N, C-alpha and C. Protein backbone atom coordinates (compact mmCIF):
# COMPACT_ATOMS: atom_id res chain seq x y z
N UNK A 1 121.65 100.45 72.71
CA UNK A 1 121.50 100.21 74.15
C UNK A 1 122.70 101.15 74.87
N UNK A 2 122.74 101.96 76.05
CA UNK A 2 123.45 102.94 77.25
C UNK A 2 123.00 101.88 77.87
N UNK A 3 124.39 102.23 78.67
CA UNK A 3 124.72 100.67 79.98
C UNK A 3 125.64 102.18 80.81
N UNK A 4 125.07 102.28 82.12
CA UNK A 4 125.83 102.72 82.99
C UNK A 4 126.20 101.87 84.42
N UNK A 5 127.38 101.52 84.45
CA UNK A 5 128.19 101.20 85.80
C UNK A 5 128.07 102.20 86.75
N UNK A 6 127.65 101.53 87.98
CA UNK A 6 127.71 102.33 89.40
C UNK A 6 128.83 101.34 90.33
N UNK A 7 130.08 102.06 90.29
CA UNK A 7 131.02 101.13 90.85
C UNK A 7 131.55 102.14 92.51
N UNK A 8 132.00 100.95 93.08
CA UNK A 8 133.02 101.58 94.42
C UNK A 8 133.25 100.21 94.89
N UNK A 9 134.36 100.62 95.37
CA UNK A 9 135.15 99.13 95.87
C UNK A 9 134.41 99.00 97.84
N UNK A 10 134.12 100.27 97.54
CA UNK A 10 133.59 100.38 99.38
C UNK A 10 132.16 99.82 99.42
N UNK A 11 131.90 99.14 100.25
CA UNK A 11 130.51 98.86 100.52
C UNK A 11 129.80 100.05 101.30
N UNK A 12 128.14 100.09 100.97
CA UNK A 12 127.87 101.25 101.85
C UNK A 12 127.99 102.44 101.41
N UNK A 13 128.40 102.89 100.12
CA UNK A 13 128.85 103.71 99.37
C UNK A 13 127.51 104.45 98.66
N UNK A 14 126.51 104.06 98.38
CA UNK A 14 125.13 104.42 97.94
C UNK A 14 125.36 104.42 96.22
N UNK A 15 125.89 103.07 96.02
CA UNK A 15 125.88 102.64 94.55
C UNK A 15 124.38 102.28 94.40
N UNK A 16 123.65 101.74 95.65
CA UNK A 16 121.90 100.63 94.96
C UNK A 16 121.37 102.01 94.89
N UNK A 17 121.82 103.41 95.99
CA UNK A 17 120.91 104.50 95.82
C UNK A 17 120.98 104.51 94.27
N UNK A 18 122.23 104.92 93.61
CA UNK A 18 122.34 105.96 92.57
C UNK A 18 121.74 104.92 91.41
N UNK A 19 121.83 103.39 91.42
CA UNK A 19 121.11 102.81 90.69
C UNK A 19 119.90 102.57 90.61
N UNK A 20 118.91 102.37 91.45
CA UNK A 20 117.67 102.45 91.18
C UNK A 20 116.86 103.83 91.40
N UNK A 21 117.55 104.67 91.41
CA UNK A 21 116.92 105.59 91.28
C UNK A 21 117.39 106.54 89.97
N UNK A 22 118.72 106.07 89.14
CA UNK A 22 118.47 106.26 87.62
C UNK A 22 117.55 105.27 86.91
N UNK A 23 117.58 104.22 87.08
CA UNK A 23 116.64 102.97 86.55
C UNK A 23 114.57 103.94 86.87
N UNK A 24 115.26 104.51 88.14
CA UNK A 24 113.36 105.40 88.22
C UNK A 24 113.06 106.70 87.24
N UNK A 25 114.70 107.16 86.73
CA UNK A 25 114.07 108.74 85.87
C UNK A 25 114.00 108.24 84.77
N UNK A 26 114.80 107.05 83.95
CA UNK A 26 114.93 106.82 82.69
C UNK A 26 113.45 105.74 82.62
N UNK A 27 113.16 105.09 83.47
CA UNK A 27 111.50 104.73 83.35
C UNK A 27 110.77 105.45 83.30
N UNK A 28 111.20 106.68 83.99
CA UNK A 28 109.91 107.71 83.81
C UNK A 28 109.21 108.42 82.86
N UNK A 29 110.10 108.29 82.49
CA UNK A 29 110.43 109.09 80.63
C UNK A 29 110.25 108.16 79.93
N UNK A 30 109.76 107.06 80.60
CA UNK A 30 109.38 106.17 78.90
C UNK A 30 110.30 105.15 78.55
N UNK A 31 111.17 105.27 79.26
CA UNK A 31 112.58 104.06 78.47
C UNK A 31 112.44 102.97 78.78
N UNK A 32 112.84 102.22 77.84
CA UNK A 32 112.82 100.69 78.21
C UNK A 32 114.17 100.17 79.14
N UNK A 33 114.24 100.23 80.44
CA UNK A 33 115.10 100.04 81.31
C UNK A 33 115.64 98.71 82.16
N UNK A 34 117.00 98.16 81.93
CA UNK A 34 116.79 97.38 82.98
C UNK A 34 118.05 97.50 83.72
N UNK A 35 117.72 96.87 85.41
CA UNK A 35 117.92 97.18 86.40
C UNK A 35 119.28 96.07 86.88
N UNK A 36 120.37 95.82 86.29
CA UNK A 36 121.21 94.71 86.70
C UNK A 36 121.84 94.83 88.12
N UNK A 37 121.41 93.95 88.67
CA UNK A 37 121.61 93.25 90.17
C UNK A 37 123.11 92.45 90.04
N UNK A 38 124.55 92.90 90.08
CA UNK A 38 125.79 92.36 90.34
C UNK A 38 125.92 91.84 91.96
N UNK A 39 125.74 92.53 93.05
CA UNK A 39 125.78 92.34 94.26
C UNK A 39 124.83 91.06 94.40
N UNK A 40 125.76 90.65 95.68
CA UNK A 40 124.94 89.07 96.17
C UNK A 40 124.64 89.47 97.73
N UNK A 41 123.94 90.61 97.77
CA UNK A 41 123.11 91.18 98.37
C UNK A 41 121.49 91.32 98.30
N UNK A 42 121.94 91.50 97.16
CA UNK A 42 120.32 91.61 96.30
C UNK A 42 119.74 92.76 96.30
N UNK A 43 120.36 93.83 96.99
CA UNK A 43 119.71 95.25 97.66
C UNK A 43 118.47 95.62 96.30
N UNK A 44 119.45 95.93 95.08
CA UNK A 44 118.75 96.63 93.67
C UNK A 44 117.37 94.98 93.71
N UNK A 45 117.08 94.08 93.87
CA UNK A 45 116.97 93.18 93.25
C UNK A 45 115.50 93.40 94.32
N UNK A 46 115.80 93.44 95.24
CA UNK A 46 114.87 93.73 96.14
C UNK A 46 113.81 94.86 96.30
N UNK A 47 114.38 95.97 96.13
CA UNK A 47 113.98 96.91 95.47
C UNK A 47 112.85 97.08 94.35
N UNK A 48 113.14 95.99 93.52
CA UNK A 48 111.95 95.89 92.14
C UNK A 48 111.37 95.39 92.77
N UNK A 49 111.53 94.01 93.83
CA UNK A 49 109.94 93.49 94.19
C UNK A 49 109.33 94.08 95.05
N UNK A 50 109.56 94.85 95.50
CA UNK A 50 108.87 96.01 96.50
C UNK A 50 107.91 97.13 95.49
N UNK A 51 108.56 97.39 94.31
CA UNK A 51 108.39 98.24 93.29
C UNK A 51 106.53 98.22 92.65
N UNK A 52 105.31 99.22 93.23
CA UNK A 52 104.41 98.75 93.01
C UNK A 52 103.94 98.64 91.15
N UNK A 53 103.16 97.83 90.99
CA UNK A 53 102.76 97.81 89.53
C UNK A 53 102.30 98.96 89.00
N UNK A 54 102.07 99.68 89.68
CA UNK A 54 101.02 101.24 88.82
C UNK A 54 102.54 101.93 88.37
N UNK A 55 103.95 101.88 88.99
CA UNK A 55 104.53 102.65 88.87
C UNK A 55 105.46 102.49 87.34
N UNK A 56 106.38 103.02 86.66
CA UNK A 56 106.97 102.95 85.27
C UNK A 56 107.44 101.21 85.51
N UNK A 57 107.73 100.44 84.84
CA UNK A 57 107.99 99.02 84.53
C UNK A 57 109.81 98.91 84.37
N UNK A 58 110.56 98.70 85.00
CA UNK A 58 111.94 98.27 85.19
C UNK A 58 111.85 96.41 85.56
N UNK A 59 112.46 96.23 84.25
CA UNK A 59 112.94 94.88 84.20
C UNK A 59 114.07 95.12 84.91
N UNK A 60 114.31 93.47 85.36
CA UNK A 60 115.23 93.16 86.13
C UNK A 60 116.49 91.69 85.52
N UNK A 61 117.58 92.26 86.07
CA UNK A 61 118.59 91.08 85.39
C UNK A 61 119.76 91.26 86.70
N UNK A 62 119.59 89.65 86.84
CA UNK A 62 120.44 88.81 87.97
C UNK A 62 122.23 89.54 87.85
N UNK A 63 122.52 89.66 86.71
CA UNK A 63 123.70 90.07 86.76
C UNK A 63 124.60 88.92 86.57
N UNK A 64 124.01 87.74 86.16
CA UNK A 64 124.80 86.53 86.19
C UNK A 64 124.51 85.94 84.60
N UNK A 65 123.53 86.97 84.16
CA UNK A 65 123.18 86.36 82.46
C UNK A 65 121.75 87.28 82.09
N UNK A 66 121.61 87.46 81.03
CA UNK A 66 120.83 88.34 80.20
C UNK A 66 119.07 88.32 80.61
N UNK A 67 118.69 89.31 80.56
CA UNK A 67 117.39 88.72 80.89
C UNK A 67 116.88 88.70 79.60
N UNK A 68 115.65 88.25 79.03
CA UNK A 68 115.27 88.00 77.95
C UNK A 68 114.63 89.11 77.28
N UNK A 69 114.63 90.68 77.65
CA UNK A 69 114.44 92.20 77.31
C UNK A 69 115.44 92.84 76.97
N UNK A 70 117.16 92.26 77.89
CA UNK A 70 117.81 93.03 77.46
C UNK A 70 118.65 93.74 76.59
N UNK A 71 118.39 92.78 75.77
CA UNK A 71 118.99 93.46 74.17
C UNK A 71 118.56 94.32 73.68
N UNK A 72 116.95 94.63 74.08
CA UNK A 72 116.26 95.89 73.72
C UNK A 72 116.25 97.13 74.68
N UNK A 73 116.91 97.14 75.17
CA UNK A 73 116.51 97.82 76.52
C UNK A 73 117.23 99.18 75.95
N UNK A 74 116.62 100.63 76.35
CA UNK A 74 117.35 101.61 76.12
C UNK A 74 118.43 101.84 76.71
N UNK A 75 118.01 101.83 78.40
CA UNK A 75 119.58 101.97 79.19
C UNK A 75 119.46 100.38 79.80
N UNK A 76 120.54 100.36 80.38
CA UNK A 76 121.11 99.27 81.66
C UNK A 76 121.45 99.90 82.16
N UNK A 77 121.23 99.75 84.09
CA UNK A 77 122.08 100.52 84.93
C UNK A 77 122.90 98.68 85.58
N UNK A 78 123.85 99.55 86.14
CA UNK A 78 124.37 97.77 86.61
C UNK A 78 124.71 98.23 88.04
N UNK A 79 124.39 97.95 88.73
CA UNK A 79 124.35 97.85 90.59
C UNK A 79 125.89 96.90 91.00
N UNK A 80 127.02 97.34 91.14
CA UNK A 80 128.10 96.35 91.04
C UNK A 80 128.03 96.34 92.39
N UNK A 81 128.87 94.77 92.95
CA UNK A 81 129.46 94.74 93.85
C UNK A 81 130.79 95.29 94.55
N UNK A 82 130.80 95.54 96.09
CA UNK A 82 131.98 96.35 96.53
C UNK A 82 132.68 95.09 96.56
N UNK A 83 133.92 95.74 96.43
CA UNK A 83 135.46 94.88 96.34
C UNK A 83 135.60 94.22 94.38
N UNK A 84 134.80 94.82 93.31
CA UNK A 84 135.00 94.38 92.39
C UNK A 84 136.39 94.79 91.92
N UNK A 85 137.06 93.70 91.35
CA UNK A 85 138.16 94.33 90.68
C UNK A 85 138.61 92.64 89.35
N UNK A 86 139.80 93.39 88.82
CA UNK A 86 140.90 92.51 87.80
C UNK A 86 139.83 92.11 86.92
N UNK A 87 139.51 90.56 86.29
CA UNK A 87 139.24 90.80 84.77
C UNK A 87 137.34 90.82 85.19
N UNK A 88 137.16 90.84 86.25
CA UNK A 88 135.61 91.05 86.21
C UNK A 88 135.13 92.77 86.20
N UNK A 89 136.07 93.48 86.78
CA UNK A 89 136.13 94.51 86.65
C UNK A 89 136.20 95.22 85.39
N UNK A 90 137.56 94.80 84.96
CA UNK A 90 138.05 95.47 82.98
C UNK A 90 136.61 94.75 82.30
N UNK A 91 136.05 93.98 82.38
CA UNK A 91 134.53 93.25 81.34
C UNK A 91 133.80 93.99 81.43
N UNK A 92 133.38 94.58 82.77
CA UNK A 92 132.26 95.15 83.24
C UNK A 92 132.24 96.81 82.91
N UNK A 93 134.02 97.20 82.75
CA UNK A 93 133.95 98.77 82.54
C UNK A 93 133.72 98.41 80.86
N UNK A 94 134.45 97.57 79.99
CA UNK A 94 134.52 97.74 78.90
C UNK A 94 132.77 97.60 78.32
N UNK A 95 131.97 97.17 78.99
CA UNK A 95 131.24 97.18 78.59
C UNK A 95 129.89 98.36 78.70
N UNK A 96 130.33 98.84 79.98
CA UNK A 96 129.39 100.38 79.96
C UNK A 96 130.21 101.51 79.45
N UNK A 97 128.85 102.51 78.75
CA UNK A 97 129.56 103.51 78.20
C UNK A 97 130.13 104.91 79.32
N UNK A 98 129.28 104.22 80.59
CA UNK A 98 129.55 105.49 81.49
C UNK A 98 129.80 104.42 83.25
N UNK A 99 131.30 105.04 83.86
CA UNK A 99 130.91 104.35 85.54
C UNK A 99 130.92 105.58 85.81
N UNK A 100 129.94 105.16 86.91
CA UNK A 100 129.70 106.68 87.92
C UNK A 100 130.08 105.91 89.35
N UNK A 101 131.59 106.69 90.31
CA UNK A 101 131.60 106.49 91.49
C UNK A 101 131.42 107.36 92.34
N UNK A 102 129.94 106.53 93.12
CA UNK A 102 129.95 107.18 94.58
C UNK A 102 130.40 107.22 95.79
N UNK A 103 130.88 108.39 96.50
CA UNK A 103 131.70 108.49 97.35
C UNK A 103 131.51 109.50 98.37
N UNK A 104 131.76 108.85 99.55
CA UNK A 104 130.79 109.71 100.87
C UNK A 104 131.92 110.52 101.36
N UNK A 105 131.71 111.22 102.15
CA UNK A 105 132.98 112.78 102.46
C UNK A 105 133.55 112.12 103.95
N UNK A 106 134.21 111.16 103.78
CA UNK A 106 134.91 110.51 104.95
C UNK A 106 136.25 110.12 104.55
N UNK A 107 137.28 110.04 105.74
CA UNK A 107 138.49 109.38 105.34
C UNK A 107 138.70 107.98 104.97
N UNK A 108 137.74 107.54 105.19
CA UNK A 108 138.06 105.85 104.90
C UNK A 108 137.61 105.61 103.56
N UNK A 109 136.11 106.64 103.12
CA UNK A 109 136.28 106.52 102.00
C UNK A 109 136.56 106.92 101.12
N UNK A 110 137.44 107.66 101.05
CA UNK A 110 137.81 108.71 99.98
C UNK A 110 139.40 107.63 100.13
N UNK A 111 140.09 107.59 101.19
CA UNK A 111 140.82 106.22 100.77
C UNK A 111 140.70 105.47 100.23
N UNK A 112 139.60 104.61 100.23
CA UNK A 112 139.51 103.39 99.25
C UNK A 112 138.91 103.38 97.96
N UNK A 113 138.80 104.51 97.59
CA UNK A 113 138.32 105.08 96.51
C UNK A 113 139.53 105.60 95.18
N UNK A 114 140.62 106.29 95.94
CA UNK A 114 141.24 106.72 95.60
C UNK A 114 141.97 105.53 94.68
N UNK A 115 142.38 104.79 94.97
CA UNK A 115 143.09 103.48 94.50
C UNK A 115 142.46 103.41 93.08
N UNK A 116 141.03 103.06 93.90
CA UNK A 116 139.82 102.48 92.78
C UNK A 116 140.18 102.95 91.49
N UNK A 117 140.23 104.32 91.98
CA UNK A 117 139.71 105.61 90.39
C UNK A 117 141.47 105.58 89.77
N UNK A 118 142.16 105.36 90.69
CA UNK A 118 143.82 105.02 89.96
C UNK A 118 143.86 103.92 89.30
N UNK A 119 143.06 102.39 89.30
CA UNK A 119 142.74 101.41 88.33
C UNK A 119 141.83 101.67 87.46
N UNK A 120 140.91 102.18 87.32
CA UNK A 120 140.28 102.92 86.15
C UNK A 120 140.93 103.41 85.62
N UNK A 121 141.55 104.17 86.04
CA UNK A 121 142.54 105.27 85.04
C UNK A 121 143.28 104.48 83.78
N UNK A 122 143.74 103.32 84.32
CA UNK A 122 144.21 102.57 83.85
C UNK A 122 143.92 101.88 82.73
N UNK A 123 142.30 101.40 82.79
CA UNK A 123 141.55 100.51 82.18
C UNK A 123 141.12 101.06 80.56
N UNK A 124 141.64 100.20 79.81
CA UNK A 124 141.79 100.21 78.54
C UNK A 124 140.41 101.59 77.88
N UNK A 125 139.34 100.80 78.00
CA UNK A 125 138.51 101.58 77.56
C UNK A 125 138.13 102.65 78.14
N UNK A 126 139.05 103.10 79.32
CA UNK A 126 138.74 104.45 79.83
C UNK A 126 139.89 105.52 79.13
N UNK A 127 140.77 104.39 78.95
CA UNK A 127 141.98 105.51 78.14
C UNK A 127 141.88 105.73 76.72
N UNK A 128 140.96 104.85 76.40
CA UNK A 128 140.65 105.16 74.63
C UNK A 128 139.40 105.93 74.38
N UNK A 129 139.08 106.06 75.89
CA UNK A 129 137.64 107.03 75.43
C UNK A 129 136.63 106.24 75.16
N UNK A 130 136.32 105.16 75.31
CA UNK A 130 135.36 104.12 75.20
C UNK A 130 133.94 104.28 76.77
N UNK A 131 134.23 104.23 77.30
CA UNK A 131 133.77 104.59 78.58
C UNK A 131 134.65 105.72 79.44
N UNK A 132 133.07 106.76 80.05
CA UNK A 132 133.64 108.03 80.42
C UNK A 132 133.41 107.39 82.08
N UNK A 133 134.26 108.28 82.92
CA UNK A 133 134.16 107.90 84.57
C UNK A 133 133.83 109.25 84.91
N UNK A 134 133.15 109.73 85.79
CA UNK A 134 132.68 110.46 86.79
C UNK A 134 132.46 110.17 88.41
N UNK A 135 132.36 111.23 89.04
CA UNK A 135 132.00 110.99 90.46
C UNK A 135 130.89 111.65 91.07
N UNK A 136 130.29 111.09 92.15
CA UNK A 136 129.20 111.79 92.57
C UNK A 136 129.70 111.63 94.36
N UNK A 137 129.52 112.45 95.17
CA UNK A 137 129.32 112.90 96.31
C UNK A 137 128.01 112.28 96.86
N UNK A 138 128.54 111.59 97.64
CA UNK A 138 127.09 110.65 98.63
C UNK A 138 126.84 111.67 100.08
N UNK A 139 125.65 112.24 100.17
CA UNK A 139 125.47 112.50 101.62
C UNK A 139 126.26 113.23 102.02
N UNK A 140 125.77 114.09 101.53
CA UNK A 140 127.38 115.36 101.45
C UNK A 140 126.44 116.51 102.17
N UNK A 141 126.85 116.93 103.42
CA UNK A 141 126.32 117.99 103.61
C UNK A 141 127.39 119.41 103.77
N UNK A 142 126.94 120.32 102.86
CA UNK A 142 127.27 120.97 101.97
C UNK A 142 128.73 121.73 102.83
N UNK A 143 128.13 122.27 104.41
CA UNK A 143 128.24 122.90 105.53
C UNK A 143 129.49 122.52 106.19
N UNK A 144 129.71 121.25 105.66
CA UNK A 144 131.11 120.94 106.99
C UNK A 144 132.17 120.83 106.30
N UNK A 145 133.12 120.85 107.59
CA UNK A 145 134.67 120.23 107.21
C UNK A 145 135.47 119.10 106.10
N UNK A 146 134.24 117.86 106.54
CA UNK A 146 134.51 116.43 105.53
C UNK A 146 133.89 116.75 104.19
N UNK A 147 132.94 117.93 104.39
CA UNK A 147 132.66 117.92 102.35
C UNK A 147 133.50 118.68 102.04
N UNK A 148 134.03 119.34 102.05
CA UNK A 148 134.60 120.35 102.13
C UNK A 148 136.08 119.88 101.47
N UNK A 149 136.68 118.93 102.07
CA UNK A 149 138.04 118.10 101.99
C UNK A 149 137.45 117.25 100.84
N UNK A 150 136.01 116.72 100.94
CA UNK A 150 135.46 115.33 99.78
C UNK A 150 135.74 116.55 98.64
N UNK A 151 135.42 118.15 98.57
CA UNK A 151 135.36 118.42 97.59
C UNK A 151 136.53 118.86 96.77
N UNK A 152 137.78 119.04 97.62
CA UNK A 152 139.31 119.36 97.11
C UNK A 152 139.44 118.01 96.67
N UNK A 153 139.28 116.51 97.66
CA UNK A 153 140.25 115.49 96.82
C UNK A 153 139.30 115.46 95.26
N UNK A 154 137.88 115.22 95.34
CA UNK A 154 137.33 115.23 93.76
C UNK A 154 137.72 116.03 92.55
N UNK A 155 138.11 117.37 93.24
CA UNK A 155 138.82 118.49 92.52
C UNK A 155 140.04 117.41 91.45
N UNK A 156 140.62 116.91 92.30
CA UNK A 156 142.48 116.60 91.91
C UNK A 156 142.49 115.20 90.92
N UNK A 157 141.36 114.62 90.97
CA UNK A 157 141.39 113.22 90.53
C UNK A 157 141.11 113.32 89.14
N UNK A 158 140.89 114.09 88.84
CA UNK A 158 141.03 114.40 86.88
C UNK A 158 139.75 114.05 86.40
N UNK A 159 138.78 113.39 87.46
CA UNK A 159 137.05 112.92 86.62
C UNK A 159 136.32 114.59 86.84
N UNK A 160 135.42 114.37 86.26
CA UNK A 160 134.14 115.34 86.58
C UNK A 160 133.27 115.00 87.77
N UNK A 161 132.99 116.06 88.49
CA UNK A 161 132.00 115.77 89.51
C UNK A 161 130.78 115.78 89.25
N UNK A 162 129.90 115.08 88.43
CA UNK A 162 128.72 115.12 88.47
C UNK A 162 127.63 115.71 89.33
N UNK A 163 127.59 115.61 90.08
CA UNK A 163 126.75 115.84 91.95
C UNK A 163 127.38 115.58 92.90
N UNK A 164 126.69 116.44 94.05
CA UNK A 164 126.96 116.15 95.06
C UNK A 164 125.20 116.03 95.73
N UNK A 165 125.21 114.73 96.81
CA UNK A 165 123.90 115.14 96.70
C UNK A 165 123.92 114.66 98.25
N UNK A 166 122.72 114.85 98.50
CA UNK A 166 122.84 115.13 100.55
C UNK A 166 121.92 113.66 100.54
N UNK A 167 121.94 113.46 102.11
CA UNK A 167 121.84 112.67 102.79
C UNK A 167 120.20 112.86 103.20
N UNK A 168 119.32 112.89 102.50
CA UNK A 168 117.89 113.55 102.80
C UNK A 168 117.09 112.13 103.47
N UNK A 169 116.24 111.60 104.40
CA UNK A 169 115.23 110.91 104.53
C UNK A 169 114.60 110.29 103.29
N UNK A 170 113.83 111.10 102.60
CA UNK A 170 113.33 111.07 101.87
C UNK A 170 113.99 109.80 100.81
N UNK A 171 115.44 109.37 100.43
CA UNK A 171 115.49 108.77 99.86
C UNK A 171 115.65 107.33 100.45
N UNK A 172 115.10 107.01 102.16
CA UNK A 172 115.16 105.91 102.89
C UNK A 172 113.50 105.67 102.53
N UNK A 173 112.94 106.52 102.61
CA UNK A 173 111.19 106.99 102.50
C UNK A 173 110.65 105.64 100.95
N UNK A 174 111.53 106.28 99.88
CA UNK A 174 111.27 106.37 98.41
C UNK A 174 112.05 104.39 98.34
N UNK A 175 113.29 104.50 98.65
CA UNK A 175 113.69 102.86 98.86
C UNK A 175 112.52 102.13 99.74
N UNK A 176 111.90 102.07 100.52
CA UNK A 176 111.25 101.67 101.07
C UNK A 176 109.50 101.12 100.39
N UNK A 177 109.69 102.20 99.61
CA UNK A 177 108.30 101.85 98.92
C UNK A 177 108.84 101.36 97.69
N UNK A 178 109.66 100.84 96.65
CA UNK A 178 109.95 100.14 96.03
C UNK A 178 110.17 101.40 94.79
N UNK A 179 110.32 103.30 94.80
CA UNK A 179 109.62 103.68 94.06
C UNK A 179 111.46 104.85 94.11
N UNK A 180 111.78 105.45 93.29
CA UNK A 180 112.68 106.30 93.34
C UNK A 180 112.22 107.47 93.39
N UNK A 181 113.50 108.94 93.76
CA UNK A 181 112.82 110.24 93.67
C UNK A 181 111.96 110.45 92.59
N UNK A 182 112.29 110.43 91.68
CA UNK A 182 111.01 110.43 90.47
C UNK A 182 109.84 110.07 90.23
N UNK A 183 109.35 108.85 90.96
CA UNK A 183 108.17 108.86 91.46
C UNK A 183 107.46 109.31 92.26
N UNK A 184 108.24 110.16 93.44
CA UNK A 184 107.65 110.71 94.49
C UNK A 184 107.05 112.03 93.91
N UNK A 185 106.01 112.84 94.70
CA UNK A 185 105.33 114.29 94.30
C UNK A 185 106.46 115.49 94.50
N UNK A 186 106.13 115.78 93.27
CA UNK A 186 107.95 116.62 92.77
C UNK A 186 107.51 117.71 94.12
N UNK A 187 106.92 118.12 94.76
CA UNK A 187 107.08 119.25 95.83
C UNK A 187 108.19 118.62 97.32
N UNK A 188 107.95 117.04 97.12
CA UNK A 188 108.61 116.80 98.06
C UNK A 188 110.06 116.47 98.06
N UNK A 189 110.57 116.40 97.22
CA UNK A 189 111.79 116.11 96.12
C UNK A 189 112.34 117.26 95.44
N UNK A 190 111.82 118.70 95.74
CA UNK A 190 112.19 120.04 94.52
C UNK A 190 113.80 119.71 94.96
N UNK A 191 114.28 120.04 95.75
CA UNK A 191 115.97 120.41 96.27
C UNK A 191 116.25 119.43 95.54
N UNK A 192 116.48 117.85 95.93
CA UNK A 192 116.95 117.01 95.91
C UNK A 192 117.25 116.40 93.87
N UNK A 193 115.99 116.69 93.33
CA UNK A 193 116.06 116.95 92.06
C UNK A 193 116.48 118.17 91.23
N UNK A 194 117.27 119.02 92.18
CA UNK A 194 117.96 119.98 91.78
C UNK A 194 119.45 119.52 91.49
N UNK A 195 119.85 119.02 92.60
CA UNK A 195 121.06 117.88 92.94
C UNK A 195 121.51 116.82 92.36
N UNK A 196 120.35 116.60 91.40
CA UNK A 196 120.72 115.19 90.26
C UNK A 196 120.81 116.34 88.88
N UNK A 197 120.28 117.07 88.84
CA UNK A 197 120.30 117.85 87.27
C UNK A 197 121.65 117.62 86.43
N UNK A 198 122.53 117.87 87.24
CA UNK A 198 123.64 117.89 86.39
C UNK A 198 124.15 116.33 85.85
N UNK A 199 124.16 115.60 87.03
CA UNK A 199 124.06 114.14 86.52
C UNK A 199 123.28 113.62 85.36
N UNK A 200 122.13 113.89 85.42
CA UNK A 200 120.78 113.84 84.34
C UNK A 200 121.59 114.62 82.80
N UNK A 201 121.57 115.74 83.34
CA UNK A 201 122.23 116.57 81.88
C UNK A 201 123.36 116.02 81.22
N UNK A 202 124.18 115.56 82.01
CA UNK A 202 125.38 114.82 81.71
C UNK A 202 125.19 113.25 80.61
N UNK A 203 124.25 112.82 81.49
CA UNK A 203 124.01 111.57 80.79
C UNK A 203 122.96 111.56 79.16
N UNK A 204 122.14 112.55 79.56
CA UNK A 204 121.48 112.53 78.43
C UNK A 204 121.78 113.12 77.54
N UNK A 205 122.46 114.44 77.52
CA UNK A 205 123.64 115.13 76.80
C UNK A 205 124.55 114.04 75.79
N UNK A 206 125.02 113.61 76.29
CA UNK A 206 126.02 112.41 75.99
C UNK A 206 125.53 111.51 74.71
N UNK A 207 124.19 111.18 75.68
CA UNK A 207 123.61 110.20 74.48
C UNK A 207 123.24 110.70 73.78
N UNK A 208 122.73 111.68 73.07
CA UNK A 208 122.42 112.24 72.23
C UNK A 208 123.08 113.24 71.37
N UNK A 209 124.42 113.34 71.72
CA UNK A 209 125.46 113.76 70.93
C UNK A 209 126.09 112.57 70.12
N UNK A 210 126.06 111.15 71.23
CA UNK A 210 126.21 109.91 70.17
C UNK A 210 125.51 109.45 69.00
N UNK A 211 124.21 110.31 68.98
CA UNK A 211 123.21 109.47 67.91
C UNK A 211 123.23 110.06 66.66
């Protein structure tokens, strides 16, 4: 089983968007996927409840215990709550193969994430290279000064930047339907799928190389 933790201490950073779309991607590829919702708001769980039966199956886990099928999962995607810290953070990082940190191009988001990345850097699993960390720019308009500021900041964190995702309306539309971008008609999401490609390449290549 491969485990991906989506984490950022700031609410509204895009964690659920990343988690649900990653789960949708691996389910679309025929993998056994568990989406673990640690957030009290249960946004990922609500998304699963809206998900049509005709779409590829994604199993739910509430973050407080194991889903009966979770031990046989190919991929577990964890949507974590804002403010995850201390022993709880260490425990979930230790269980993850990858930690993906979404961050939006604003001074508030950069400030909140800066300390968090320093904490991640000191986690034993990260230092021992048992857990790998990457950052993702969220709702990025590459034409703006704030996007340039974010890019400069992410470049100096020492963690790889695996994608910059725009703030497209298709994310809202697919979420309302319990769908991921990978369930939508390709012509509607062609540009967005290109933006996701580096992250998906990173995850799937690392998974193949580990076997």
